[in-house]
Amino acid sequence: MAMENRLFFPQTALDQWILDGTADLSDGELRMSGEGRRYRLADAVRVLREVTETGDAHGLVGRVKPRASLEEQGAEIVETSMLIRDTAYDVEPGWVGLPLGK
């Protein structure tokens, strides 16, 4: 079974698109106005860097992970920071989107 391509939408970009009127968010679904594209959204973060200088013990740098999945692993996420056990990361909050039919 093929995996659908998922996209990461940074929260700052999504906020701007909604203000600009180029996107609409309703009931967990993002609609891009001009393109007619739709995405089912899930709360996620992009892990930017490990900041404790102890190494990326969890192999998360450069990855986009659903917030619920990280929290199940014991992650504490506040704004743009995440802590998993003794390792701290800078993260970018946003949403992972699964494309839906038009």
PDB file of N, CA and C in Angstrom:
ATOM      1  N   MET A   1       0.844  -1.186   0.000  1.00  0.00           N
ATOM      2  CA  MET A   1       0.000   0.000   0.000  1.00  0.00           C
ATOM      3  C   MET A   1       0.887   1.246   0.000  1.00  0.00           C
ATOM      4  N   ALA A   2       0.662   2.159  -0.915  1.00  0.00           N
ATOM      5  CA  ALA A   2       1.486   3.365  -1.038  1.00  0.00           C
ATOM      6  C   ALA A   2       1.087   4.388   0.011  1.00  0.00           C
ATOM      7  N   MET A   3       2.085   5.044   0.572  1.00  0.00           N
ATOM      8  CA  MET A   3       1.822   6.112   1.540  1.00  0.00           C
ATOM      9  C   MET A   3       1.507   7.392   0.771  1.00  0.00           C
ATOM     10  N   GLU A   4       0.513   8.104   1.226  1.00  0.00           N
ATOM     11  CA  GLU A   4       0.190   9.397   0.630  1.00  0.00           C
ATOM     12  C   GLU A   4       1.281  10.398   0.988  1.00  0.00           C
ATOM     13  N   ASN A   5       1.566  11.294   0.074  1.00  0.00           N
ATOM     14  CA  ASN A   5       2.511  12.359   0.390  1.00  0.00           C
ATOM     15  C   ASN A   5       1.872  13.299   1.397  1.00  0.00           C
ATOM     16  N   ARG A   6       2.576  13.528   2.483  1.00  0.00           N
ATOM     17  CA  ARG A   6       2.095  14.438   3.503  1.00  0.00           C
ATOM     18  C   ARG A   6       2.927  15.711   3.436  1.00  0.00           C
ATOM     19  N   LEU A   7       2.316  16.822   3.757  1.00  0.00           N
ATOM     20  CA  LEU A   7       2.991  18.116   3.727  1.00  0.00           C
ATOM     21  C   LEU A   7       2.992  18.721   5.115  1.00  0.00           C
ATOM     22  N   PHE A   8       4.063  19.466   5.418  1.00  0.00           N
ATOM     23  CA  PHE A   8       4.121  20.200   6.675  1.00  0.00           C
ATOM     24  C   PHE A   8       3.771  21.646   6.405  1.00  0.00           C
ATOM     25  N   PHE A   9       2.827  22.159   7.191  1.00  0.00           N
ATOM     26  CA  PHE A   9       2.419  23.558   7.101  1.00  0.00           C
ATOM     27  C   PHE A   9       2.825  24.252   8.396  1.00  0.00           C
ATOM     28  N   PRO A  10       3.852  25.123   8.353  1.00  0.00           N
ATOM     29  CA  PRO A  10       4.222  25.867   9.569  1.00  0.00           C
ATOM     30  C   PRO A  10       3.046  26.719  10.045  1.00  0.00           C
ATOM     31  N   GLN A  11       2.872  26.819  11.351  1.00  0.00           N
ATOM     32  CA  GLN A  11       1.770  27.590  11.923  1.00  0.00           C
ATOM     33  C   GLN A  11       1.801  29.039  11.445  1.00  0.00           C
ATOM     34  N   THR A  12       2.997  29.636  11.377  1.00  0.00           N
ATOM     35  CA  THR A  12       3.096  31.045  10.951  1.00  0.00           C
ATOM     36  C   THR A  12       2.597  31.223   9.520  1.00  0.00           C
ATOM     37  N   ALA A  13       2.922  30.278   8.634  1.00  0.00           N
ATOM     38  CA  ALA A  13       2.466  30.371   7.244  1.00  0.00           C
ATOM     39  C   ALA A  13       0.949  30.198   7.171  1.00  0.00           C
ATOM     40  N   LEU A  14       0.435  29.222   7.910  1.00  0.00           N
ATOM     41  CA  LEU A  14      -1.007  28.967   7.915  1.00  0.00           C
ATOM     42  C   LEU A  14      -1.773  30.189   8.412  1.00  0.00           C
ATOM     43  N   ASP A  15      -1.279  30.802   9.484  1.00  0.00           N
ATOM     44  CA  ASP A  15      -1.912  32.018  10.011  1.00  0.00           C
ATOM     45  C   ASP A  15      -1.957  33.106   8.943  1.00  0.00           C
ATOM     46  N   GLN A  16      -0.852  33.283   8.215  1.00  0.00           N
ATOM     47  CA  GLN A  16      -0.784  34.325   7.190  1.00  0.00           C
ATOM     48  C   GLN A  16      -1.731  34.030   6.033  1.00  0.00           C
ATOM     49  N   TRP A  17      -1.791  32.792   5.594  1.00  0.00           N
ATOM     50  CA  TRP A  17      -2.692  32.417   4.489  1.00  0.00           C
ATOM     51  C   TRP A  17      -4.146  32.658   4.861  1.00  0.00           C
ATOM     52  N   ILE A  18      -4.494  32.361   6.114  1.00  0.00           N
ATOM     53  CA  ILE A  18      -5.872  32.578   6.558  1.00  0.00           C
ATOM     54  C   ILE A  18      -6.178  34.074   6.582  1.00  0.00           C
ATOM     55  N   LEU A  19      -5.229  34.877   7.083  1.00  0.00           N
ATOM     56  CA  LEU A  19      -5.412  36.334   7.086  1.00  0.00           C
ATOM     57  C   LEU A  19      -5.530  36.889   5.666  1.00  0.00           C
ATOM     58  N   ASP A  20      -4.724  36.346   4.746  1.00  0.00           N
ATOM     59  CA  ASP A  20      -4.729  36.796   3.349  1.00  0.00           C
ATOM     60  C   ASP A  20      -5.968  36.327   2.588  1.00  0.00           C
ATOM     61  N   GLY A  21      -6.678  35.349   3.159  1.00  0.00           N
ATOM     62  CA  GLY A  21      -7.838  34.805   2.479  1.00  0.00           C
ATOM     63  C   GLY A  21      -7.494  33.758   1.436  1.00  0.00           C
ATOM     64  N   THR A  22      -6.240  33.287   1.409  1.00  0.00           N
ATOM     65  CA  THR A  22      -5.844  32.271   0.427  1.00  0.00           C
ATOM     66  C   THR A  22      -6.062  30.853   0.944  1.00  0.00           C
ATOM     67  N   ALA A  23      -6.437  30.734   2.218  1.00  0.00           N
ATOM     68  CA  ALA A  23      -6.715  29.417   2.802  1.00  0.00           C
ATOM     69  C   ALA A  23      -7.844  29.544   3.816  1.00  0.00           C
ATOM     70  N   ASP A  24      -8.537  28.433   4.005  1.00  0.00           N
ATOM     71  CA  ASP A  24      -9.620  28.375   4.976  1.00  0.00           C
ATOM     72  C   ASP A  24      -9.444  27.099   5.791  1.00  0.00           C
ATOM     73  N   LEU A  25      -9.580  27.230   7.104  1.00  0.00           N
ATOM     74  CA  LEU A  25      -9.442  26.083   7.998  1.00  0.00           C
ATOM     75  C   LEU A  25     -10.761  25.873   8.722  1.00  0.00           C
ATOM     76  N   SER A  26     -11.305  24.649   8.598  1.00  0.00           N
ATOM     77  CA  SER A  26     -12.567  24.345   9.238  1.00  0.00           C
ATOM     78  C   SER A  26     -12.653  22.843   9.502  1.00  0.00           C
ATOM     79  N   ASP A  27     -13.009  22.475  10.741  1.00  0.00           N
ATOM     80  CA  ASP A  27     -13.177  21.072  11.130  1.00  0.00           C
ATOM     81  C   ASP A  27     -11.960  20.208  10.789  1.00  0.00           C
ATOM     82  N   GLY A  28     -10.753  20.754  11.018  1.00  0.00           N
ATOM     83  CA  GLY A  28      -9.534  19.987  10.775  1.00  0.00           C
ATOM     84  C   GLY A  28      -9.178  19.819   9.317  1.00  0.00           C
ATOM     85  N   GLU A  29      -9.837  20.586   8.456  1.00  0.00           N
ATOM     86  CA  GLU A  29      -9.560  20.501   7.027  1.00  0.00           C
ATOM     87  C   GLU A  29      -9.112  21.858   6.499  1.00  0.00           C
ATOM     88  N   LEU A  30      -7.991  21.854   5.787  1.00  0.00           N
ATOM     89  CA  LEU A  30      -7.455  23.061   5.170  1.00  0.00           C
ATOM     90  C   LEU A  30      -7.826  23.068   3.696  1.00  0.00           C
ATOM     91  N   ARG A  31      -8.397  24.185   3.250  1.00  0.00           N
ATOM     92  CA  ARG A  31      -8.722  24.360   1.831  1.00  0.00           C
ATOM     93  C   ARG A  31      -7.901  25.524   1.297  1.00  0.00           C
ATOM     94  N   MET A  32      -7.158  25.260   0.226  1.00  0.00           N
ATOM     95  CA  MET A  32      -6.375  26.301  -0.434  1.00  0.00           C
ATOM     96  C   MET A  32      -7.267  26.920  -1.511  1.00  0.00           C
ATOM     97  N   SER A  33      -7.572  28.208  -1.387  1.00  0.00           N
ATOM     98  CA  SER A  33      -8.559  28.868  -2.232  1.00  0.00           C
ATOM     99  C   SER A  33      -8.276  28.775  -3.722  1.00  0.00           C
ATOM    100  N   GLY A  34      -7.137  29.270  -4.167  1.00  0.00           N
ATOM    101  CA  GLY A  34      -6.853  29.347  -5.594  1.00  0.00           C
ATOM    102  C   GLY A  34      -6.673  27.999  -6.259  1.00  0.00           C
ATOM    103  N   GLU A  35      -6.113  27.041  -5.549  1.00  0.00           N
ATOM    104  CA  GLU A  35      -5.779  25.753  -6.142  1.00  0.00           C
ATOM    105  C   GLU A  35      -6.883  24.725  -5.983  1.00  0.00           C
ATOM    106  N   GLY A  36      -7.807  24.962  -5.045  1.00  0.00           N
ATOM    107  CA  GLY A  36      -8.858  24.001  -4.786  1.00  0.00           C
ATOM    108  C   GLY A  36      -8.365  22.745  -4.075  1.00  0.00           C
ATOM    109  N   ARG A  37      -7.158  22.775  -3.542  1.00  0.00           N
ATOM    110  CA  ARG A  37      -6.618  21.619  -2.836  1.00  0.00           C
ATOM    111  C   ARG A  37      -7.145  21.580  -1.404  1.00  0.00           C
ATOM    112  N   ARG A  38      -7.305  20.341  -0.880  1.00  0.00           N
ATOM    113  CA  ARG A  38      -7.772  20.160   0.482  1.00  0.00           C
ATOM    114  C   ARG A  38      -6.848  19.196   1.210  1.00  0.00           C
ATOM    115  N   TYR A  39      -6.678  19.424   2.508  1.00  0.00           N
ATOM    116  CA  TYR A  39      -5.810  18.588   3.333  1.00  0.00           C
ATOM    117  C   TYR A  39      -6.473  18.327   4.678  1.00  0.00           C
ATOM    118  N   ARG A  40      -6.375  17.090   5.152  1.00  0.00           N
ATOM    119  CA  ARG A  40      -6.800  16.746   6.518  1.00  0.00           C
ATOM    120  C   ARG A  40      -5.595  17.042   7.394  1.00  0.00           C
ATOM    121  N   LEU A  41      -5.749  17.864   8.442  1.00  0.00           N
ATOM    122  CA  LEU A  41      -4.621  18.309   9.257  1.00  0.00           C
ATOM    123  C   LEU A  41      -4.532  17.578  10.595  1.00  0.00           C
ATOM    124  N   ALA A  42      -3.280  17.406  11.025  1.00  0.00           N
ATOM    125  CA  ALA A  42      -2.990  16.883  12.366  1.00  0.00           C
ATOM    126  C   ALA A  42      -1.895  17.757  12.964  1.00  0.00           C
ATOM    127  N   ASP A  43      -2.038  18.103  14.228  1.00  0.00           N
ATOM    128  CA  ASP A  43      -1.078  18.926  14.954  1.00  0.00           C
ATOM    129  C   ASP A  43       0.301  18.244  14.915  1.00  0.00           C
ATOM    130  N   ALA A  44       1.328  19.000  14.534  1.00  0.00           N
ATOM    131  CA  ALA A  44       2.668  18.420  14.378  1.00  0.00           C
ATOM    132  C   ALA A  44       3.737  19.459  14.672  1.00  0.00           C
ATOM    133  N   VAL A  45       4.982  18.997  14.753  1.00  0.00           N
ATOM    134  CA  VAL A  45       6.130  19.895  14.863  1.00  0.00           C
ATOM    135  C   VAL A  45       7.226  19.415  13.931  1.00  0.00           C
ATOM    136  N   ARG A  46       8.011  20.375  13.436  1.00  0.00           N
ATOM    137  CA  ARG A  46       9.226  20.053  12.688  1.00  0.00           C
ATOM    138  C   ARG A  46      10.367  20.252  13.675  1.00  0.00           C
ATOM    139  N   VAL A  47      11.192  19.228  13.847  1.00  0.00           N
ATOM    140  CA  VAL A  47      12.304  19.294  14.794  1.00  0.00           C
ATOM    141  C   VAL A  47      13.496  19.937  14.071  1.00  0.00           C
ATOM    142  N   LEU A  48      13.875  21.129  14.532  1.00  0.00           N
ATOM    143  CA  LEU A  48      14.907  21.910  13.862  1.00  0.00           C
ATOM    144  C   LEU A  48      16.326  21.565  14.309  1.00  0.00           C
ATOM    145  N   ARG A  49      16.516  21.471  15.616  1.00  0.00           N
ATOM    146  CA  ARG A  49      17.875  21.201  16.124  1.00  0.00           C
ATOM    147  C   ARG A  49      17.820  20.719  17.552  1.00  0.00           C
ATOM    148  N   GLU A  50      18.852  19.975  17.928  1.00  0.00           N
ATOM    149  CA  GLU A  50      19.033  19.534  19.311  1.00  0.00           C
ATOM    150  C   GLU A  50      19.879  20.606  19.971  1.00  0.00           C
ATOM    151  N   VAL A  51      19.495  21.056  21.152  1.00  0.00           N
ATOM    152  CA  VAL A  51      20.168  22.210  21.759  1.00  0.00           C
ATOM    153  C   VAL A  51      20.920  21.901  23.050  1.00  0.00           C
ATOM    154  N   THR A  52      20.906  20.668  23.504  1.00  0.00           N
ATOM    155  CA  THR A  52      21.610  20.342  24.743  1.00  0.00           C
ATOM    156  C   THR A  52      23.049  19.906  24.490  1.00  0.00           C
ATOM    157  N   GLU A  53      23.405  19.793  23.208  1.00  0.00           N
ATOM    158  CA  GLU A  53      24.753  19.404  22.790  1.00  0.00           C
ATOM    159  C   GLU A  53      25.164  18.033  23.321  1.00  0.00           C
ATOM    160  N   THR A  54      24.170  17.161  23.525  1.00  0.00           N
ATOM    161  CA  THR A  54      24.458  15.792  23.943  1.00  0.00           C
ATOM    162  C   THR A  54      24.208  14.818  22.803  1.00  0.00           C
ATOM    163  N   GLY A  55      23.831  15.347  21.640  1.00  0.00           N
ATOM    164  CA  GLY A  55      23.531  14.505  20.486  1.00  0.00           C
ATOM    165  C   GLY A  55      22.046  14.233  20.370  1.00  0.00           C
ATOM    166  N   ASP A  56      21.643  13.900  19.179  1.00  0.00           N
ATOM    167  CA  ASP A  56      20.232  13.646  18.877  1.00  0.00           C
ATOM    168  C   ASP A  56      19.914  12.179  19.177  1.00  0.00           C
ATOM    169  N   ALA A  57      19.828  11.862  20.457  1.00  0.00           N
ATOM    170  CA  ALA A  57      19.628  10.477  20.905  1.00  0.00           C
ATOM    171  C   ALA A  57      18.341   9.855  20.368  1.00  0.00           C
ATOM    172  N   HIS A  58      17.360  10.678  20.012  1.00  0.00           N
ATOM    173  CA  HIS A  58      16.068  10.170  19.574  1.00  0.00           C
ATOM    174  C   HIS A  58      15.908  10.199  18.055  1.00  0.00           C
ATOM    175  N   GLY A  59      16.943  10.677  17.333  1.00  0.00           N
ATOM    176  CA  GLY A  59      16.899  10.704  15.872  1.00  0.00           C
ATOM    177  C   GLY A  59      15.774  11.547  15.306  1.00  0.00           C
ATOM    178  N   LEU A  60      15.546  12.706  15.904  1.00  0.00           N
ATOM    179  CA  LEU A  60      14.408  13.531  15.508  1.00  0.00           C
ATOM    180  C   LEU A  60      14.762  14.755  14.663  1.00  0.00           C
ATOM    181  N   VAL A  61      16.015  15.193  14.687  1.00  0.00           N
ATOM    182  CA  VAL A  61      16.384  16.423  13.971  1.00  0.00           C
ATOM    183  C   VAL A  61      16.101  16.269  12.473  1.00  0.00           C
ATOM    184  N   GLY A  62      15.400  17.270  11.937  1.00  0.00           N
ATOM    185  CA  GLY A  62      15.064  17.279  10.519  1.00  0.00           C
ATOM    186  C   GLY A  62      13.776  16.538  10.186  1.00  0.00           C
ATOM    187  N   ARG A  63      13.113  16.005  11.187  1.00  0.00           N
ATOM    188  CA  ARG A  63      11.898  15.239  10.946  1.00  0.00           C
ATOM    189  C   ARG A  63      10.660  16.012  11.377  1.00  0.00           C
ATOM    190  N   VAL A  64       9.552  15.678  10.745  1.00  0.00           N
ATOM    191  CA  VAL A  64       8.243  16.204  11.125  1.00  0.00           C
ATOM    192  C   VAL A  64       7.505  15.059  11.799  1.00  0.00           C
ATOM    193  N   LYS A  65       7.012  15.330  12.999  1.00  0.00           N
ATOM    194  CA  LYS A  65       6.333  14.288  13.770  1.00  0.00           C
ATOM    195  C   LYS A  65       5.004  14.823  14.305  1.00  0.00           C
ATOM    196  N   PRO A  66       3.971  13.976  14.297  1.00  0.00           N
ATOM    197  CA  PRO A  66       2.707  14.389  14.917  1.00  0.00           C
ATOM    198  C   PRO A  66       2.923  14.654  16.407  1.00  0.00           C
ATOM    199  N   ARG A  67       2.334  15.712  16.885  1.00  0.00           N
ATOM    200  CA  ARG A  67       2.481  16.096  18.298  1.00  0.00           C
ATOM    201  C   ARG A  67       2.049  14.967  19.236  1.00  0.00           C
ATOM    202  N   ALA A  68       0.937  14.302  18.924  1.00  0.00           N
ATOM    203  CA  ALA A  68       0.433  13.223  19.780  1.00  0.00           C
ATOM    204  C   ALA A  68       1.444  12.087  19.885  1.00  0.00           C
ATOM    205  N   SER A  69       2.105  11.770  18.798  1.00  0.00           N
ATOM    206  CA  SER A  69       3.105  10.701  18.794  1.00  0.00           C
ATOM    207  C   SER A  69       4.284  11.055  19.697  1.00  0.00           C
ATOM    208  N   LEU A  70       4.738  12.298  19.628  1.00  0.00           N
ATOM    209  CA  LEU A  70       5.848  12.743  20.469  1.00  0.00           C
ATOM    210  C   LEU A  70       5.447  12.748  21.942  1.00  0.00           C
ATOM    211  N   GLU A  71       4.237  13.203  22.228  1.00  0.00           N
ATOM    212  CA  GLU A  71       3.774  13.248  23.615  1.00  0.00           C
ATOM    213  C   GLU A  71       3.628  11.838  24.187  1.00  0.00           C
ATOM    214  N   GLU A  72       3.261  10.868  23.346  1.00  0.00           N
ATOM    215  CA  GLU A  72       3.190   9.473  23.793  1.00  0.00           C
ATOM    216  C   GLU A  72       4.570   8.956  24.207  1.00  0.00           C
ATOM    217  N   GLN A  73       5.626   9.531  23.592  1.00  0.00           N
ATOM    218  CA  GLN A  73       7.006   9.157  23.914  1.00  0.00           C
ATOM    219  C   GLN A  73       7.538   9.944  25.111  1.00  0.00           C
ATOM    220  N   GLY A  74       6.679  10.785  25.708  1.00  0.00           N
ATOM    221  CA  GLY A  74       7.077  11.541  26.885  1.00  0.00           C
ATOM    222  C   GLY A  74       7.568  12.951  26.598  1.00  0.00           C
ATOM    223  N   ALA A  75       7.395  13.425  25.377  1.00  0.00           N
ATOM    224  CA  ALA A  75       7.843  14.776  25.031  1.00  0.00           C
ATOM    225  C   ALA A  75       6.969  15.834  25.697  1.00  0.00           C
ATOM    226  N   GLU A  76       7.624  16.895  26.157  1.00  0.00           N
ATOM    227  CA  GLU A  76       6.933  18.080  26.645  1.00  0.00           C
ATOM    228  C   GLU A  76       7.210  19.171  25.628  1.00  0.00           C
ATOM    229  N   ILE A  77       6.149  19.708  25.013  1.00  0.00           N
ATOM    230  CA  ILE A  77       6.298  20.709  23.961  1.00  0.00           C
ATOM    231  C   ILE A  77       5.640  21.997  24.425  1.00  0.00           C
ATOM    232  N   VAL A  78       6.427  23.088  24.441  1.00  0.00           N
ATOM    233  CA  VAL A  78       5.931  24.407  24.808  1.00  0.00           C
ATOM    234  C   VAL A  78       6.460  25.392  23.772  1.00  0.00           C
ATOM    235  N   GLU A  79       5.503  25.999  23.034  1.00  0.00           N
ATOM    236  CA  GLU A  79       5.857  26.970  21.995  1.00  0.00           C
ATOM    237  C   GLU A  79       6.830  26.346  21.004  1.00  0.00           C
ATOM    238  N   THR A  80       8.100  26.830  20.980  1.00  0.00           N
ATOM    239  CA  THR A  80       9.088  26.340  20.014  1.00  0.00           C
ATOM    240  C   THR A  80      10.167  25.484  20.672  1.00  0.00           C
ATOM    241  N   SER A  81       9.862  24.941  21.846  1.00  0.00           N
ATOM    242  CA  SER A  81      10.818  24.098  22.570  1.00  0.00           C
ATOM    243  C   SER A  81      10.187  22.742  22.874  1.00  0.00           C
ATOM    244  N   MET A  82      11.044  21.722  22.849  1.00  0.00           N
ATOM    245  CA  MET A  82      10.586  20.383  23.184  1.00  0.00           C
ATOM    246  C   MET A  82      11.649  19.697  24.037  1.00  0.00           C
ATOM    247  N   LEU A  83      11.194  18.987  25.050  1.00  0.00           N
ATOM    248  CA  LEU A  83      12.089  18.237  25.929  1.00  0.00           C
ATOM    249  C   LEU A  83      11.628  16.784  25.951  1.00  0.00           C
ATOM    250  N   ILE A  84      12.558  15.882  25.626  1.00  0.00           N
ATOM    251  CA  ILE A  84      12.310  14.448  25.759  1.00  0.00           C
ATOM    252  C   ILE A  84      13.407  13.920  26.665  1.00  0.00           C
ATOM    253  N   ARG A  85      13.003  13.478  27.841  1.00  0.00           N
ATOM    254  CA  ARG A  85      13.930  13.049  28.894  1.00  0.00           C
ATOM    255  C   ARG A  85      14.968  14.157  29.113  1.00  0.00           C
ATOM    256  N   ASP A  86      16.248  13.906  28.856  1.00  0.00           N
ATOM    257  CA  ASP A  86      17.286  14.918  29.100  1.00  0.00           C
ATOM    258  C   ASP A  86      17.704  15.670  27.841  1.00  0.00           C
ATOM    259  N   THR A  87      16.989  15.495  26.756  1.00  0.00           N
ATOM    260  CA  THR A  87      17.366  16.119  25.487  1.00  0.00           C
ATOM    261  C   THR A  87      16.380  17.215  25.126  1.00  0.00           C
ATOM    262  N   ALA A  88      16.915  18.405  24.816  1.00  0.00           N
ATOM    263  CA  ALA A  88      16.068  19.541  24.434  1.00  0.00           C
ATOM    264  C   ALA A  88      16.240  19.839  22.948  1.00  0.00           C
ATOM    265  N   TYR A  89      15.147  20.250  22.327  1.00  0.00           N
ATOM    266  CA  TYR A  89      15.131  20.547  20.890  1.00  0.00           C
ATOM    267  C   TYR A  89      14.438  21.879  20.640  1.00  0.00           C
ATOM    268  N   ASP A  90      14.845  22.549  19.554  1.00  0.00           N
ATOM    269  CA  ASP A  90      14.084  23.666  19.008  1.00  0.00           C
ATOM    270  C   ASP A  90      13.155  23.056  17.965  1.00  0.00           C
ATOM    271  N   VAL A  91      11.880  23.449  18.003  1.00  0.00           N
ATOM    272  CA  VAL A  91      10.905  22.916  17.061  1.00  0.00           C
ATOM    273  C   VAL A  91      10.115  24.048  16.417  1.00  0.00           C
ATOM    274  N   GLU A  92       9.526  23.752  15.285  1.00  0.00           N
ATOM    275  CA  GLU A  92       8.630  24.690  14.604  1.00  0.00           C
ATOM    276  C   GLU A  92       7.229  24.091  14.649  1.00  0.00           C
ATOM    277  N   PRO A  93       6.300  24.747  15.358  1.00  0.00           N
ATOM    278  CA  PRO A  93       4.944  24.231  15.425  1.00  0.00           C
ATOM    279  C   PRO A  93       4.239  24.360  14.078  1.00  0.00           C
ATOM    280  N   GLY A  94       3.334  23.447  13.836  1.00  0.00           N
ATOM    281  CA  GLY A  94       2.560  23.510  12.602  1.00  0.00           C
ATOM    282  C   GLY A  94       1.618  22.338  12.499  1.00  0.00           C
ATOM    283  N   TRP A  95       1.384  21.946  11.270  1.00  0.00           N
ATOM    284  CA  TRP A  95       0.406  20.903  10.980  1.00  0.00           C
ATOM    285  C   TRP A  95       0.938  20.023   9.868  1.00  0.00           C
ATOM    286  N   VAL A  96       0.660  18.731   9.956  1.00  0.00           N
ATOM    287  CA  VAL A  96       0.962  17.829   8.851  1.00  0.00           C
ATOM    288  C   VAL A  96      -0.356  17.616   8.119  1.00  0.00           C
ATOM    289  N   GLY A  97      -0.302  17.731   6.802  1.00  0.00           N
ATOM    290  CA  GLY A  97      -1.521  17.630   6.001  1.00  0.00           C
ATOM    291  C   GLY A  97      -1.508  16.445   5.060  1.00  0.00           C
ATOM    292  N   LEU A  98      -2.589  15.683   5.074  1.00  0.00           N
ATOM    293  CA  LEU A  98      -2.789  14.573   4.164  1.00  0.00           C
ATOM    294  C   LEU A  98      -3.699  15.054   3.042  1.00  0.00           C
ATOM    295  N   PRO A  99      -3.218  15.024   1.790  1.00  0.00           N
ATOM    296  CA  PRO A  99      -4.046  15.514   0.677  1.00  0.00           C
ATOM    297  C   PRO A  99      -5.353  14.731   0.560  1.00  0.00           C
ATOM    298  N   LEU A 100      -6.428  15.459   0.294  1.00  0.00           N
ATOM    299  CA  LEU A 100      -7.749  14.875   0.064  1.00  0.00           C
ATOM    300  C   LEU A 100      -8.142  15.178  -1.381  1.00  0.00           C
ATOM    301  N   GLY A 101      -9.126  14.479  -1.890  1.00  0.00           N
ATOM    302  CA  GLY A 101      -9.616  14.781  -3.233  1.00  0.00           C
ATOM    303  C   GLY A 101     -10.220  16.165  -3.293  1.00  0.00           C
ATOM    304  N   LYS A 102     -10.276  16.735  -4.487  1.00  0.00           N
ATOM    305  CA  LYS A 102     -10.808  18.098  -4.641  1.00  0.00           C
ATOM    306  C   LYS A 102     -12.284  18.163  -4.378  1.00  0.00           C
TER     307      LYS A 102
END
